[in-house]
C-alpha atoms as a PDB file:
ATOM      1  CA  UNK A   1      -0.179  -0.218   0.153  1.00  0.00           C
ATOM      2  CA  UNK A   2       0.797   3.645  -0.271  1.00  0.00           C
ATOM      3  CA  UNK A   3       1.511   5.695   2.450  1.00  0.00           C
ATOM      4  CA  UNK A   4       3.307   8.972   3.917  1.00  0.00           C
ATOM      5  CA  UNK A   5       6.638   8.056   5.866  1.00  0.00           C
ATOM      6  CA  UNK A   6       8.376  10.316   8.197  1.00  0.00           C
ATOM      7  CA  UNK A   7      11.956   9.669   8.307  1.00  0.00           C
ATOM      8  CA  UNK A   8      13.046  12.071  10.916  1.00  0.00           C
ATOM      9  CA  UNK A   9      12.164  14.877  13.175  1.00  0.00           C
ATOM     10  CA  UNK A  10      12.250  18.206  11.473  1.00  0.00           C
ATOM     11  CA  UNK A  11      10.151  20.076   8.958  1.00  0.00           C
ATOM     12  CA  UNK A  12       8.682  18.945   5.760  1.00  0.00           C
ATOM     13  CA  UNK A  13      10.913  17.740   3.701  1.00  0.00           C
ATOM     14  CA  UNK A  14      11.241  14.539   6.127  1.00  0.00           C
ATOM     15  CA  UNK A  15       7.877  13.250   4.545  1.00  0.00           C
ATOM     16  CA  UNK A  16       8.426  10.671   2.128  1.00  0.00           C
ATOM     17  CA  UNK A  17       5.251   8.988  -0.127  1.00  0.00           C
ATOM     18  CA  UNK A  18       5.872   5.326  -0.833  1.00  0.00           C
ATOM     19  CA  UNK A  19       4.671   1.544  -0.729  1.00  0.00           C
ATOM     20  CA  UNK A  20       4.940  -0.028   2.781  1.00  0.00           C
ATOM     21  CA  UNK A  21       3.965  -3.384   3.450  1.00  0.00           C
ATOM     22  CA  UNK A  22       0.204  -3.283   4.791  1.00  0.00           C
ATOM     23  CA  UNK A  23      -0.240  -3.033   8.673  1.00  0.00           C
ATOM     24  CA  UNK A  24      -0.829  -6.267  10.454  1.00  0.00           C
ATOM     25  CA  UNK A  25      -4.223  -7.193  12.014  1.00  0.00           C
ATOM     26  CA  UNK A  26      -5.053  -8.048  15.926  1.00  0.00           C
ATOM     27  CA  UNK A  27      -7.651 -10.522  17.149  1.00  0.00           C
ATOM     28  CA  UNK A  28      -9.908  -7.770  18.116  1.00  0.00           C
ATOM     29  CA  UNK A  29      -9.288  -4.915  15.147  1.00  0.00           C
ATOM     30  CA  UNK A  30     -10.661  -4.084  12.068  1.00  0.00           C
ATOM     31  CA  UNK A  31      -8.536  -2.981   8.549  1.00  0.00           C
ATOM     32  CA  UNK A  32     -10.058   0.022   6.929  1.00  0.00           C
ATOM     33  CA  UNK A  33      -9.397   1.322   3.372  1.00  0.00           C
ATOM     34  CA  UNK A  34      -8.823   4.883   4.501  1.00  0.00           C
ATOM     35  CA  UNK A  35     -11.551   7.110   2.776  1.00  0.00           C
ATOM     36  CA  UNK A  36     -10.177  10.411   4.258  1.00  0.00           C
ATOM     37  CA  UNK A  37      -7.189  11.310   6.976  1.00  0.00           C
ATOM     38  CA  UNK A  38      -7.222  14.155   9.141  1.00  0.00           C
ATOM     39  CA  UNK A  39      -4.926  16.689   9.924  1.00  0.00           C
ATOM     40  CA  UNK A  40      -4.309  18.088  13.432  1.00  0.00           C
ATOM     41  CA  UNK A  41      -1.946  20.301  15.490  1.00  0.00           C
ATOM     42  CA  UNK A  42      -0.444  17.074  17.479  1.00  0.00           C
ATOM     43  CA  UNK A  43       0.715  15.900  13.702  1.00  0.00           C
ATOM     44  CA  UNK A  44       2.947  18.589  12.931  1.00  0.00           C
ATOM     45  CA  UNK A  45       4.014  18.599  16.609  1.00  0.00           C
ATOM     46  CA  UNK A  46       4.828  15.119  16.147  1.00  0.00           C
ATOM     47  CA  UNK A  47       6.404  15.624  12.855  1.00  0.00           C
ATOM     48  CA  UNK A  48       8.675  18.773  14.202  1.00  0.00           C
ATOM     49  CA  UNK A  49       9.666  16.527  17.518  1.00  0.00           C
ATOM     50  CA  UNK A  50       7.757  19.394  19.664  1.00  0.00           C
ATOM     51  CA  UNK A  51       5.822  16.418  20.764  1.00  0.00           C
ATOM     52  CA  UNK A  52       8.162  13.874  21.413  1.00  0.00           C
ATOM     53  CA  UNK A  53       8.062  13.200  24.999  1.00  0.00           C
ATOM     54  CA  UNK A  54       4.647  12.712  24.979  1.00  0.00           C
ATOM     55  CA  UNK A  55       4.263  11.135  21.583  1.00  0.00           C
ATOM     56  CA  UNK A  56       7.725  10.022  20.285  1.00  0.00           C
ATOM     57  CA  UNK A  57       7.407   8.532  16.850  1.00  0.00           C
ATOM     58  CA  UNK A  58       9.012   5.239  16.224  1.00  0.00           C
ATOM     59  CA  UNK A  59      11.264   5.825  12.760  1.00  0.00           C
ATOM     60  CA  UNK A  60      10.118   5.144  10.096  1.00  0.00           C
ATOM     61  CA  UNK A  61       6.846   6.539  11.304  1.00  0.00           C
ATOM     62  CA  UNK A  62       3.446   7.189   9.926  1.00  0.00           C
ATOM     63  CA  UNK A  63       1.414   9.925  11.317  1.00  0.00           C
ATOM     64  CA  UNK A  64      -2.133  10.548  11.582  1.00  0.00           C
ATOM     65  CA  UNK A  65      -4.763  10.198  13.859  1.00  0.00           C
ATOM     66  CA  UNK A  66      -7.704  10.575  12.081  1.00  0.00           C
ATOM     67  CA  UNK A  67      -9.331   8.050  10.146  1.00  0.00           C
ATOM     68  CA  UNK A  68     -12.774   7.403   8.133  1.00  0.00           C
ATOM     69  CA  UNK A  69     -13.411   4.781   5.467  1.00  0.00           C
ATOM     70  CA  UNK A  70     -14.560   1.413   4.714  1.00  0.00           C
ATOM     71  CA  UNK A  71     -13.922  -1.878   6.750  1.00  0.00           C
ATOM     72  CA  UNK A  72     -12.198  -4.581   4.622  1.00  0.00           C
ATOM     73  CA  UNK A  73     -11.055  -7.679   7.438  1.00  0.00           C
ATOM     74  CA  UNK A  74     -12.412  -8.022  10.607  1.00  0.00           C
ATOM     75  CA  UNK A  75      -9.787  -9.904  13.659  1.00  0.00           C
ATOM     76  CA  UNK A  76     -11.353 -13.049  14.510  1.00  0.00           C
ATOM     77  CA  UNK A  77     -12.873 -11.725  17.526  1.00  0.00           C
ATOM     78  CA  UNK A  78     -14.758  -8.462  16.362  1.00  0.00           C
ATOM     79  CA  UNK A  79     -18.643  -9.066  16.167  1.00  0.00           C
ATOM     80  CA  UNK A  80     -19.518  -5.267  15.967  1.00  0.00           C
ATOM     81  CA  UNK A  81     -18.535  -4.661  12.903  1.00  0.00           C
ATOM     82  CA  UNK A  82     -18.447  -6.275   9.457  1.00  0.00           C
ATOM     83  CA  UNK A  83     -17.099  -5.815   6.237  1.00  0.00           C
ATOM     84  CA  UNK A  84     -17.694  -2.614   3.960  1.00  0.00           C
ATOM     85  CA  UNK A  85     -19.290  -0.838   7.172  1.00  0.00           C
ATOM     86  CA  UNK A  86     -18.500   2.511   6.898  1.00  0.00           C
ATOM     87  CA  UNK A  87     -16.439   3.446   9.921  1.00  0.00           C
ATOM     88  CA  UNK A  88     -14.762   6.592  11.441  1.00  0.00           C
ATOM     89  CA  UNK A  89     -11.949   6.014  13.991  1.00  0.00           C
ATOM     90  CA  UNK A  90      -9.055   7.816  16.483  1.00  0.00           C
ATOM     91  CA  UNK A  91      -6.403   5.539  15.736  1.00  0.00           C
ATOM     92  CA  UNK A  92      -2.710   6.100  15.081  1.00  0.00           C
ATOM     93  CA  UNK A  93      -1.421   5.857  11.279  1.00  0.00           C
ATOM     94  CA  UNK A  94      -3.866   7.552   8.924  1.00  0.00           C
ATOM     95  CA  UNK A  95      -1.759   8.970   6.231  1.00  0.00           C
ATOM     96  CA  UNK A  96      -1.713   5.576   4.554  1.00  0.00           C
ATOM     97  CA  UNK A  97      -4.166   3.567   1.815  1.00  0.00           C
ATOM     98  CA  UNK A  98      -5.078   1.299   5.159  1.00  0.00           C
ATOM     99  CA  UNK A  99      -4.776   1.503   8.381  1.00  0.00           C
ATOM    100  CA  UNK A 100      -5.965  -0.725  10.900  1.00  0.00           C
ATOM    101  CA  UNK A 101      -6.821  -0.552  14.531  1.00  0.00           C
ATOM    102  CA  UNK A 102      -8.321  -2.086  17.893  1.00  0.00           C
ATOM    103  CA  UNK A 103     -12.457  -2.264  17.456  1.00  0.00           C
ATOM    104  CA  UNK A 104     -12.497   0.526  20.721  1.00  0.00           C
ATOM    105  CA  UNK A 105     -11.089   3.729  18.044  1.00  0.00           C
ATOM    106  CA  UNK A 106     -13.522   2.988  15.698  1.00  0.00           C
ATOM    107  CA  UNK A 107     -17.489   3.778  15.528  1.00  0.00           C
ATOM    108  CA  UNK A 108     -19.927   3.436  13.041  1.00  0.00           C
ATOM    109  CA  UNK A 109     -20.522   6.114  10.637  1.00  0.00           C
ATOM    110  CA  UNK A 110     -24.197   7.461  10.972  1.00  0.00           C
ATOM    111  CA  UNK A 111     -25.774   8.084   7.546  1.00  0.00           C
ATOM    112  CA  UNK A 112     -25.721  11.777   6.176  1.00  0.00           C
ATOM    113  CA  UNK A 113     -21.810  12.111   6.900  1.00  0.00           C
ATOM    114  CA  UNK A 114     -19.680  11.419   3.688  1.00  0.00           C
ATOM    115  CA  UNK A 115     -16.958   9.172   4.443  1.00  0.00           C
ATOM    116  CA  UNK A 116     -14.152  11.955   2.680  1.00  0.00           C
ATOM    117  CA  UNK A 117     -15.741  14.238   5.002  1.00  0.00           C
ATOM    118  CA  UNK A 118     -15.553  12.547   8.154  1.00  0.00           C
ATOM    119  CA  UNK A 119     -11.692  12.486   8.494  1.00  0.00           C
ATOM    120  CA  UNK A 120     -12.015  15.980   9.927  1.00  0.00           C
ATOM    121  CA  UNK A 121     -14.054  14.631  13.178  1.00  0.00           C
ATOM    122  CA  UNK A 122     -12.624  11.608  15.391  1.00  0.00           C
ATOM    123  CA  UNK A 123      -9.959  13.456  16.997  1.00  0.00           C
ATOM    124  CA  UNK A 124     -12.012  17.094  17.039  1.00  0.00           C
ATOM    125  CA  UNK A 125     -15.255  15.243  18.673  1.00  0.00           C
ATOM    126  CA  UNK A 126     -14.012  13.214  21.690  1.00  0.00           C
ATOM    127  CA  UNK A 127     -11.031  15.676  22.481  1.00  0.00           C
ATOM    128  CA  UNK A 128     -13.901  17.988  22.629  1.00  0.00           C
ATOM    129  CA  UNK A 129     -16.305  15.925  24.066  1.00  0.00           C
ATOM    130  CA  UNK A 130     -14.249  14.680  26.641  1.00  0.00           C
ATOM    131  CA  UNK A 131     -12.884  17.920  27.507  1.00  0.00           C
ATOM    132  CA  UNK A 132     -16.613  19.294  28.503  1.00  0.00           C
ATOM    133  CA  UNK A 133     -17.875  16.287  29.940  1.00  0.00           C
ATOM    134  CA  UNK A 134     -15.186  14.767  32.040  1.00  0.00           C
ATOM    135  CA  UNK A 135     -12.505  17.799  32.123  1.00  0.00           C
ATOM    136  CA  UNK A 136     -14.822  20.582  33.155  1.00  0.00           C
ATOM    137  CA  UNK A 137     -17.725  18.869  33.879  1.00  0.00           C
ATOM    138  CA  UNK A 138     -20.629  21.124  34.464  1.00  0.00           C
ATOM    139  CA  UNK A 139     -23.942  20.893  36.186  1.00  0.00           C
ATOM    140  CA  UNK A 140     -26.865  22.456  34.346  1.00  0.00           C
ATOM    141  CA  UNK A 141     -27.051  26.265  34.145  1.00  0.00           C
ATOM    142  CA  UNK A 142     -23.430  26.718  34.867  1.00  0.00           C
ATOM    143  CA  UNK A 143     -21.233  29.562  33.076  1.00  0.00           C
ATOM    144  CA  UNK A 144     -18.883  27.994  31.377  1.00  0.00           C
ATOM    145  CA  UNK A 145     -16.280  29.981  29.247  1.00  0.00           C
ATOM    146  CA  UNK A 146     -14.611  27.852  25.743  1.00  0.00           C
ATOM    147  CA  UNK A 147     -11.581  29.605  24.450  1.00  0.00           C
ATOM    148  CA  UNK A 148     -10.974  28.820  20.811  1.00  0.00           C
ATOM    149  CA  UNK A 149     -14.470  28.214  20.459  1.00  0.00           C
ATOM    150  CA  UNK A 150     -14.359  28.533  16.725  1.00  0.00           C
ATOM    151  CA  UNK A 151     -11.288  25.712  16.175  1.00  0.00           C
ATOM    152  CA  UNK A 152     -12.568  22.290  15.752  1.00  0.00           C
ATOM    153  CA  UNK A 153     -12.333  20.893  19.017  1.00  0.00           C
ATOM    154  CA  UNK A 154     -13.349  24.437  20.725  1.00  0.00           C
ATOM    155  CA  UNK A 155     -16.891  24.149  18.516  1.00  0.00           C
ATOM    156  CA  UNK A 156     -17.393  20.599  20.019  1.00  0.00           C
ATOM    157  CA  UNK A 157     -16.860  21.786  23.590  1.00  0.00           C
ATOM    158  CA  UNK A 158     -19.352  24.562  22.951  1.00  0.00           C
ATOM    159  CA  UNK A 159     -21.409  22.396  21.481  1.00  0.00           C
ATOM    160  CA  UNK A 160     -21.431  19.657  24.471  1.00  0.00           C
ATOM    161  CA  UNK A 161     -21.778  22.246  26.967  1.00  0.00           C
ATOM    162  CA  UNK A 162     -25.471  22.823  25.397  1.00  0.00           C
ATOM    163  CA  UNK A 163     -26.104  19.432  25.300  1.00  0.00           C
ATOM    164  CA  UNK A 164     -25.132  19.294  29.425  1.00  0.00           C
ATOM    165  CA  UNK A 165     -27.804  22.948  29.740  1.00  0.00           C
ATOM    166  CA  UNK A 166     -24.798  24.578  30.596  1.00  0.00           C
ATOM    167  CA  UNK A 167     -24.848  28.337  30.181  1.00  0.00           C
ATOM    168  CA  UNK A 168     -21.774  28.956  27.646  1.00  0.00           C
ATOM    169  CA  UNK A 169     -20.066  31.511  25.831  1.00  0.00           C
ATOM    170  CA  UNK A 170     -17.386  31.901  23.182  1.00  0.00           C
ATOM    171  CA  UNK A 171     -14.158  32.795  23.611  1.00  0.00           C
ATOM    172  CA  UNK A 172     -13.050  34.059  20.142  1.00  0.00           C
ATOM    173  CA  UNK A 173     -10.363  37.013  19.540  1.00  0.00           C
ATOM    174  CA  UNK A 174     -11.997  40.293  18.952  1.00  0.00           C
ATOM    175  CA  UNK A 175     -12.144  40.492  14.898  1.00  0.00           C
ATOM    176  CA  UNK A 176     -13.613  36.834  15.304  1.00  0.00           C
ATOM    177  CA  UNK A 177     -16.863  37.810  17.467  1.00  0.00           C
ATOM    178  CA  UNK A 178     -19.157  38.027  14.192  1.00  0.00           C
ATOM    179  CA  UNK A 179     -18.262  34.539  13.258  1.00  0.00           C
ATOM    180  CA  UNK A 180     -19.039  33.422  16.571  1.00  0.00           C
ATOM    181  CA  UNK A 181     -22.528  34.782  16.895  1.00  0.00           C
ATOM    182  CA  UNK A 182     -23.314  31.839  14.623  1.00  0.00           C
ATOM    183  CA  UNK A 183     -21.746  29.056  17.004  1.00  0.00           C
ATOM    184  CA  UNK A 184     -24.885  29.167  19.184  1.00  0.00           C
ATOM    185  CA  UNK A 185     -23.700  30.573  22.305  1.00  0.00           C
ATOM    186  CA  UNK A 186     -25.296  32.498  25.112  1.00  0.00           C
ATOM    187  CA  UNK A 187     -22.773  35.111  24.545  1.00  0.00           C
ATOM    188  CA  UNK A 188     -19.763  35.963  23.283  1.00  0.00           C
ATOM    189  CA  UNK A 189     -16.516  36.945  24.938  1.00  0.00           C
ATOM    190  CA  UNK A 190     -13.383  38.822  22.871  1.00  0.00           C
ATOM    191  CA  UNK A 191     -10.059  37.359  24.722  1.00  0.00           C
ATOM    192  CA  UNK A 192      -8.004  40.369  23.113  1.00  0.00           C
ATOM    193  CA  UNK A 193     -10.284  42.580  25.047  1.00  0.00           C
ATOM    194  CA  UNK A 194      -8.825  43.540  28.573  1.00  0.00           C
ATOM    195  CA  UNK A 195     -12.396  44.546  29.381  1.00  0.00           C
ATOM    196  CA  UNK A 196     -13.905  41.019  28.136  1.00  0.00           C
ATOM    197  CA  UNK A 197     -16.757  42.430  27.064  1.00  0.00           C
ATOM    198  CA  UNK A 198     -20.118  40.510  27.165  1.00  0.00           C
ATOM    199  CA  UNK A 199     -18.593  38.081  29.901  1.00  0.00           C
ATOM    200  CA  UNK A 200     -20.407  37.287  33.063  1.00  0.00           C
ATOM    201  CA  UNK A 201     -19.264  38.423  36.613  1.00  0.00           C
ATOM    202  CA  UNK A 202     -18.002  34.999  36.661  1.00  0.00           C
ATOM    203  CA  UNK A 203     -17.631  31.481  35.350  1.00  0.00           C
ATOM    204  CA  UNK A 204     -17.990  28.279  36.908  1.00  0.00           C
ATOM    205  CA  UNK A 205     -15.726  26.510  34.535  1.00  0.00           C
ATOM    206  CA  UNK A 206     -13.434  27.370  31.523  1.00  0.00           C
ATOM    207  CA  UNK A 207     -12.771  24.558  28.697  1.00  0.00           C
ATOM    208  CA  UNK A 208      -9.478  26.174  27.923  1.00  0.00           C
ATOM    209  CA  UNK A 209      -8.189  24.905  24.196  1.00  0.00           C
ATOM    210  CA  UNK A 210      -5.456  27.967  23.982  1.00  0.00           C
ATOM    211  CA  UNK A 211      -3.259  28.219  27.167  1.00  0.00           C
ATOM    212  CA  UNK A 212      -0.413  30.518  27.285  1.00  0.00           C
ATOM    213  CA  UNK A 213      -1.282  33.901  28.332  1.00  0.00           C
ATOM    214  CA  UNK A 214      -5.052  33.659  27.479  1.00  0.00           C
ATOM    215  CA  UNK A 215      -5.622  31.540  29.904  1.00  0.00           C
ATOM    216  CA  UNK A 216      -3.962  33.192  32.771  1.00  0.00           C
ATOM    217  CA  UNK A 217      -5.508  36.449  32.041  1.00  0.00           C
ATOM    218  CA  UNK A 218      -8.783  34.843  32.561  1.00  0.00           C
ATOM    219  CA  UNK A 219      -8.154  33.559  36.385  1.00  0.00           C
ATOM    220  CA  UNK A 220      -9.873  36.737  37.393  1.00  0.00           C
ATOM    221  CA  UNK A 221     -12.901  35.687  35.666  1.00  0.00           C
ATOM    222  CA  UNK A 222     -13.336  32.538  37.225  1.00  0.00           C
ATOM    223  CA  UNK A 223     -14.964  31.974  40.884  1.00  0.00           C
ATOM    224  CA  UNK A 224     -13.213  30.502  43.411  1.00  0.00           C
ATOM    225  CA  UNK A 225     -12.375  26.880  43.063  1.00  0.00           C
ATOM    226  CA  UNK A 226     -13.562  26.993  39.721  1.00  0.00           C
ATOM    227  CA  UNK A 227     -12.733  24.486  36.860  1.00  0.00           C
ATOM    228  CA  UNK A 228     -10.236  24.403  34.074  1.00  0.00           C
ATOM    229  CA  UNK A 229     -10.385  21.756  32.124  1.00  0.00           C
ATOM    230  CA  UNK A 230      -7.475  21.749  29.507  1.00  0.00           C
ATOM    231  CA  UNK A 231      -6.242  20.017  26.339  1.00  0.00           C
ATOM    232  CA  UNK A 232      -2.814  21.610  26.486  1.00  0.00           C
ATOM    233  CA  UNK A 233      -1.329  20.753  29.752  1.00  0.00           C
ATOM    234  CA  UNK A 234      -1.886  23.007  32.775  1.00  0.00           C
ATOM    235  CA  UNK A 235      -1.885  26.308  32.858  1.00  0.00           C
ATOM    236  CA  UNK A 236       0.943  27.976  35.001  1.00  0.00           C
ATOM    237  CA  UNK A 237       0.031  29.040  38.341  1.00  0.00           C
ATOM    238  CA  UNK A 238      -3.869  27.837  38.201  1.00  0.00           C
ATOM    239  CA  UNK A 239      -3.399  25.569  41.049  1.00  0.00           C
ATOM    240  CA  UNK A 240      -1.939  28.154  43.381  1.00  0.00           C
ATOM    241  CA  UNK A 241      -4.903  30.320  42.399  1.00  0.00           C
ATOM    242  CA  UNK A 242      -6.979  27.020  43.773  1.00  0.00           C
ATOM    243  CA  UNK A 243      -8.671  26.036  40.730  1.00  0.00           C
ATOM    244  CA  UNK A 244      -9.392  22.163  39.898  1.00  0.00           C
ATOM    245  CA  UNK A 245      -7.034  21.407  37.066  1.00  0.00           C
ATOM    246  CA  UNK A 246      -7.780  18.992  34.798  1.00  0.00           C
ATOM    247  CA  UNK A 247      -5.304  18.718  32.176  1.00  0.00           C
ATOM    248  CA  UNK A 248      -6.013  15.147  29.476  1.00  0.00           C
ATOM    249  CA  UNK A 249      -5.139  13.835  26.132  1.00  0.00           C
ATOM    250  CA  UNK A 250      -7.946  12.081  23.945  1.00  0.00           C
ATOM    251  CA  UNK A 251      -8.630   8.783  24.672  1.00  0.00           C
ATOM    252  CA  UNK A 252     -10.410   6.029  22.336  1.00  0.00           C
ATOM    253  CA  UNK A 253     -14.101   6.026  23.121  1.00  0.00           C
ATOM    254  CA  UNK A 254     -16.684   4.251  20.502  1.00  0.00           C
ATOM    255  CA  UNK A 255     -19.635   5.152  22.394  1.00  0.00           C
ATOM    256  CA  UNK A 256     -18.888   8.590  22.747  1.00  0.00           C
ATOM    257  CA  UNK A 257     -17.738   8.762  18.830  1.00  0.00           C
ATOM    258  CA  UNK A 258     -20.595   7.433  17.595  1.00  0.00           C
ATOM    259  CA  UNK A 259     -22.751   9.588  19.566  1.00  0.00           C
ATOM    260  CA  UNK A 260     -21.471  13.195  18.757  1.00  0.00           C
ATOM    261  CA  UNK A 261     -20.933  11.951  14.885  1.00  0.00           C
ATOM    262  CA  UNK A 262     -24.775  11.574  14.991  1.00  0.00           C
ATOM    263  CA  UNK A 263     -24.873  15.385  15.654  1.00  0.00           C
ATOM    264  CA  UNK A 264     -23.029  16.179  13.130  1.00  0.00           C
ATOM    265  CA  UNK A 265     -25.130  13.858  10.640  1.00  0.00           C
ATOM    266  CA  UNK A 266     -28.014  15.743  11.927  1.00  0.00           C
ATOM    267  CA  UNK A 267     -26.608  18.971  11.528  1.00  0.00           C
ATOM    268  CA  UNK A 268     -26.337  20.311  14.712  1.00  0.00           C
ATOM    269  CA  UNK A 269     -22.873  20.168  14.688  1.00  0.00           C
ATOM    270  CA  UNK A 270     -20.278  21.838  12.066  1.00  0.00           C
ATOM    271  CA  UNK A 271     -16.525  21.319  11.896  1.00  0.00           C
ATOM    272  CA  UNK A 272     -15.926  22.907   8.762  1.00  0.00           C
ATOM    273  CA  UNK A 273     -13.205  21.586   5.858  1.00  0.00           C
ATOM    274  CA  UNK A 274     -10.646  24.094   4.452  1.00  0.00           C
ATOM    275  CA  UNK A 275      -8.896  21.699   1.943  1.00  0.00           C
ATOM    276  CA  UNK A 276      -8.735  18.639   0.367  1.00  0.00           C
ATOM    277  CA  UNK A 277      -5.412  17.865  -0.777  1.00  0.00           C
ATOM    278  CA  UNK A 278      -3.952  14.084  -2.070  1.00  0.00           C
ATOM    279  CA  UNK A 279      -2.145  11.783   0.417  1.00  0.00           C
ATOM    280  CA  UNK A 280       0.789  12.571  -1.699  1.00  0.00           C
ATOM    281  CA  UNK A 281       0.450  16.024  -1.262  1.00  0.00           C
ATOM    282  CA  UNK A 282       1.155  15.822   2.982  1.00  0.00           C
ATOM    283  CA  UNK A 283       3.969  18.065   3.118  1.00  0.00           C
ATOM    284  CA  UNK A 284       1.891  20.748   1.531  1.00  0.00           C
ATOM    285  CA  UNK A 285      -1.049  19.785   3.517  1.00  0.00           C
ATOM    286  CA  UNK A 286       1.092  20.246   6.616  1.00  0.00           C
ATOM    287  CA  UNK A 287       2.466  23.383   5.421  1.00  0.00           C
ATOM    288  CA  UNK A 288      -1.116  24.953   4.995  1.00  0.00           C
ATOM    289  CA  UNK A 289      -2.987  23.918   8.558  1.00  0.00           C
ATOM    290  CA  UNK A 290       0.271  24.879  10.545  1.00  0.00           C
ATOM    291  CA  UNK A 291       1.574  28.253   8.681  1.00  0.00           C
ATOM    292  CA  UNK A 292      -1.835  29.476   7.196  1.00  0.00           C
ATOM    293  CA  UNK A 293      -4.491  28.762   9.723  1.00  0.00           C
ATOM    294  CA  UNK A 294      -7.495  28.191   6.907  1.00  0.00           C
ATOM    295  CA  UNK A 295      -9.792  28.456   9.261  1.00  0.00           C
ATOM    296  CA  UNK A 296     -11.663  24.213   9.125  1.00  0.00           C
ATOM    297  CA  UNK A 297      -9.656  21.381   9.397  1.00  0.00           C
ATOM    298  CA  UNK A 298      -7.365  19.891   6.610  1.00  0.00           C
ATOM    299  CA  UNK A 299      -7.975  16.178   4.901  1.00  0.00           C
ATOM    300  CA  UNK A 300      -5.898  13.828   2.730  1.00  0.00           C
ATOM    301  CA  UNK A 301      -7.412  11.629   0.395  1.00  0.00           C
ATOM    302  CA  UNK A 302      -5.640   8.297  -0.808  1.00  0.00           C
END
């Protein structure tokens, strides 16, 4: 099969599009012919070596966490899937024509979602849902701020907050207020305005996808003992201020992935797609997603 192989840490020049052996299939896994693989920030952090402590790459390696496609083979102990099923999954090695992963990584794709679009979904759906449901875990009626609300993970976290019955504010840059108004939040907060116009007197929780100085500047807007959920590690000084901090890395969850894929299928949740490039152009895709921030997910199509 064809795949994009990373030869060493560094720039996109270390990608090579070439033939590799098909992945082996464990008894509790399925083999999927990839229709689309999505790019995520962790991909270029892994490529560059910036994430090597948390996500080391064994060279030569194949990157890619998001995959969607059709099942072509099932392991001996698999009963939840059948050959021909359309699926999406949070996997490793998605920059390839075929990918194998355990059944708990996959969910069946609901009707109404094209596999070539579904490659944008798995990591964003699971990260955003777990950020809100598990890390922040707000009760009904709580005031929650989602930072980076126009990003894929932020959109999912905001939607998850609405499903929980929380009151949710979309945190964005001031120039993005118009776009953010379309997300259906209870309010929009311009994070680059020190006065934070539009914010309530205090938030019960913050679902953070930005970190850095942005989250630190929000501490005075979080109630004493409030909760910060983070996808980018623990914000500096948060525990010292007495906040409950829950930093995490998204984990496969077939049921949760299926549940939020239905939200996409029924058009209640939208993850924008900015570009689709052939698998052989993985280097161009990385440059586009990493450097130009195109305003939506970038997909690789084998």
